[in-house]
Amino acid sequence: MHDDLVDHLTRSTPLSRGEALRVVQDVLAYFDETTEDFVRRRHRELQGQGLVNAEIFERIEAELSYRAVAPPTLSLRQLRRIVYG
């Protein structure tokens, strides 16, 4: 699985092959996350930092545009519906 990338990481960093494989798997899992899962995860994380929903949803809205494959623009209402149904 992605041997060329793992090989590159082991050549260009002090990572062992096992560590490089873990990094590649973690990055792929991160980018495999759906928009809905990302919104829910970030909401939980930001709530845990003590932010209130108004700040949380504005921050998530801004963060979505920086995703590797940005989803269509979602309104604050749509973001709330993802979290609360």
C-alpha atoms as a PDB file:
ATOM      1  CA  MET A   1       0.000   0.000   0.000  1.00  0.00           C
ATOM      2  CA  HIS A   2       1.642   3.243  -1.178  1.00  0.00           C
ATOM      3  CA  ASP A   3       5.110   1.717  -1.010  1.00  0.00           C
ATOM      4  CA  ASP A   4       6.610   4.585  -3.014  1.00  0.00           C
ATOM      5  CA  LEU A   5       5.435   7.115  -0.429  1.00  0.00           C
ATOM      6  CA  VAL A   6       6.607   4.967   2.481  1.00  0.00           C
ATOM      7  CA  ASP A   7       9.999   4.554   0.766  1.00  0.00           C
ATOM      8  CA  HIS A   8      10.250   8.315   0.261  1.00  0.00           C
ATOM      9  CA  LEU A   9       9.493   8.986   3.928  1.00  0.00           C
ATOM     10  CA  THR A  10      12.092   6.483   5.132  1.00  0.00           C
ATOM     11  CA  ARG A  11      14.725   8.042   2.839  1.00  0.00           C
ATOM     12  CA  SER A  12      13.920  11.668   3.664  1.00  0.00           C
ATOM     13  CA  THR A  13      13.130  11.434   7.407  1.00  0.00           C
ATOM     14  CA  PRO A  14      14.440   9.518  10.407  1.00  0.00           C
ATOM     15  CA  LEU A  15      11.233   7.431  10.447  1.00  0.00           C
ATOM     16  CA  SER A  16      11.470   3.650  10.361  1.00  0.00           C
ATOM     17  CA  ARG A  17       9.473   1.815   7.717  1.00  0.00           C
ATOM     18  CA  GLY A  18       6.766   0.912  10.258  1.00  0.00           C
ATOM     19  CA  GLU A  19       6.511   4.509  11.463  1.00  0.00           C
ATOM     20  CA  ALA A  20       6.362   5.830   7.904  1.00  0.00           C
ATOM     21  CA  LEU A  21       3.605   3.347   7.065  1.00  0.00           C
ATOM     22  CA  ARG A  22       1.637   4.519  10.117  1.00  0.00           C
ATOM     23  CA  VAL A  23       2.007   8.174   9.048  1.00  0.00           C
ATOM     24  CA  VAL A  24       0.765   7.371   5.545  1.00  0.00           C
ATOM     25  CA  GLN A  25      -2.198   5.426   6.930  1.00  0.00           C
ATOM     26  CA  ASP A  26      -3.085   8.257   9.341  1.00  0.00           C
ATOM     27  CA  VAL A  27      -2.954  10.875   6.584  1.00  0.00           C
ATOM     28  CA  LEU A  28      -5.072   8.758   4.256  1.00  0.00           C
ATOM     29  CA  ALA A  29      -7.636   8.158   7.016  1.00  0.00           C
ATOM     30  CA  TYR A  30      -7.773  11.895   7.723  1.00  0.00           C
ATOM     31  CA  PHE A  31      -8.515  12.738   4.097  1.00  0.00           C
ATOM     32  CA  ASP A  32     -10.992   9.869   3.815  1.00  0.00           C
ATOM     33  CA  GLU A  33     -13.184  11.508   6.483  1.00  0.00           C
ATOM     34  CA  THR A  34     -16.572  12.633   5.138  1.00  0.00           C
ATOM     35  CA  THR A  35     -17.706  16.231   5.487  1.00  0.00           C
ATOM     36  CA  GLU A  36     -20.312  15.178   8.028  1.00  0.00           C
ATOM     37  CA  ASP A  37     -17.764  13.259  10.113  1.00  0.00           C
ATOM     38  CA  PHE A  38     -15.348  16.206   9.950  1.00  0.00           C
ATOM     39  CA  VAL A  39     -18.053  18.642  11.108  1.00  0.00           C
ATOM     40  CA  ARG A  40     -19.072  16.390  13.995  1.00  0.00           C
ATOM     41  CA  ARG A  41     -15.463  15.741  15.062  1.00  0.00           C
ATOM     42  CA  ARG A  42     -14.464  19.411  14.940  1.00  0.00           C
ATOM     43  CA  HIS A  43     -17.630  20.400  16.829  1.00  0.00           C
ATOM     44  CA  ARG A  44     -16.715  17.985  19.640  1.00  0.00           C
ATOM     45  CA  GLU A  45     -13.095  19.171  19.689  1.00  0.00           C
ATOM     46  CA  LEU A  46     -13.991  22.858  19.765  1.00  0.00           C
ATOM     47  CA  GLN A  47     -16.675  22.322  22.408  1.00  0.00           C
ATOM     48  CA  GLY A  48     -14.021  20.594  24.477  1.00  0.00           C
ATOM     49  CA  GLN A  49     -11.898  23.738  24.204  1.00  0.00           C
ATOM     50  CA  GLY A  50     -14.749  25.745  25.710  1.00  0.00           C
ATOM     51  CA  LEU A  51     -15.964  27.532  22.589  1.00  0.00           C
ATOM     52  CA  VAL A  52     -19.660  28.332  22.187  1.00  0.00           C
ATOM     53  CA  ASN A  53     -21.685  27.171  19.188  1.00  0.00           C
ATOM     54  CA  ALA A  54     -21.684  30.540  17.406  1.00  0.00           C
ATOM     55  CA  GLU A  55     -17.867  30.524  17.383  1.00  0.00           C
ATOM     56  CA  ILE A  56     -17.680  26.814  16.641  1.00  0.00           C
ATOM     57  CA  PHE A  57     -19.868  26.878  13.541  1.00  0.00           C
ATOM     58  CA  GLU A  58     -18.143  29.964  12.126  1.00  0.00           C
ATOM     59  CA  ARG A  59     -14.759  28.321  12.598  1.00  0.00           C
ATOM     60  CA  ILE A  60     -15.912  25.041  11.021  1.00  0.00           C
ATOM     61  CA  GLU A  61     -17.396  26.951   8.093  1.00  0.00           C
ATOM     62  CA  ALA A  62     -14.018  28.621   7.501  1.00  0.00           C
ATOM     63  CA  GLU A  63     -12.041  25.382   7.939  1.00  0.00           C
ATOM     64  CA  LEU A  64     -14.106  23.482   5.375  1.00  0.00           C
ATOM     65  CA  SER A  65     -12.796  25.628   2.527  1.00  0.00           C
ATOM     66  CA  TYR A  66      -9.241  24.465   3.323  1.00  0.00           C
ATOM     67  CA  ARG A  67      -9.953  20.751   3.110  1.00  0.00           C
ATOM     68  CA  ALA A  68      -8.069  18.859   0.388  1.00  0.00           C
ATOM     69  CA  VAL A  69     -11.324  18.362  -1.498  1.00  0.00           C
ATOM     70  CA  ALA A  70     -13.492  21.196  -0.273  1.00  0.00           C
ATOM     71  CA  PRO A  71     -17.194  20.369  -0.058  1.00  0.00           C
ATOM     72  CA  PRO A  72     -19.832  22.716  -1.409  1.00  0.00           C
ATOM     73  CA  THR A  73     -20.293  25.780   0.770  1.00  0.00           C
ATOM     74  CA  LEU A  74     -22.510  24.917   3.734  1.00  0.00           C
ATOM     75  CA  SER A  75     -24.541  27.503   5.615  1.00  0.00           C
ATOM     76  CA  LEU A  76     -24.362  27.765   9.393  1.00  0.00           C
ATOM     77  CA  ARG A  77     -27.827  26.207   9.481  1.00  0.00           C
ATOM     78  CA  GLN A  78     -26.648  23.224   7.432  1.00  0.00           C
ATOM     79  CA  LEU A  79     -23.688  22.771   9.770  1.00  0.00           C
ATOM     80  CA  ARG A  80     -26.003  22.782  12.791  1.00  0.00           C
ATOM     81  CA  ARG A  81     -28.223  20.172  11.136  1.00  0.00           C
ATOM     82  CA  ILE A  82     -25.223  17.902  10.585  1.00  0.00           C
ATOM     83  CA  VAL A  83     -24.389  18.069  14.282  1.00  0.00           C
ATOM     84  CA  TYR A  84     -27.874  18.039  15.772  1.00  0.00           C
ATOM     85  CA  GLY A  85     -29.914  16.343  13.063  1.00  0.00           C
END
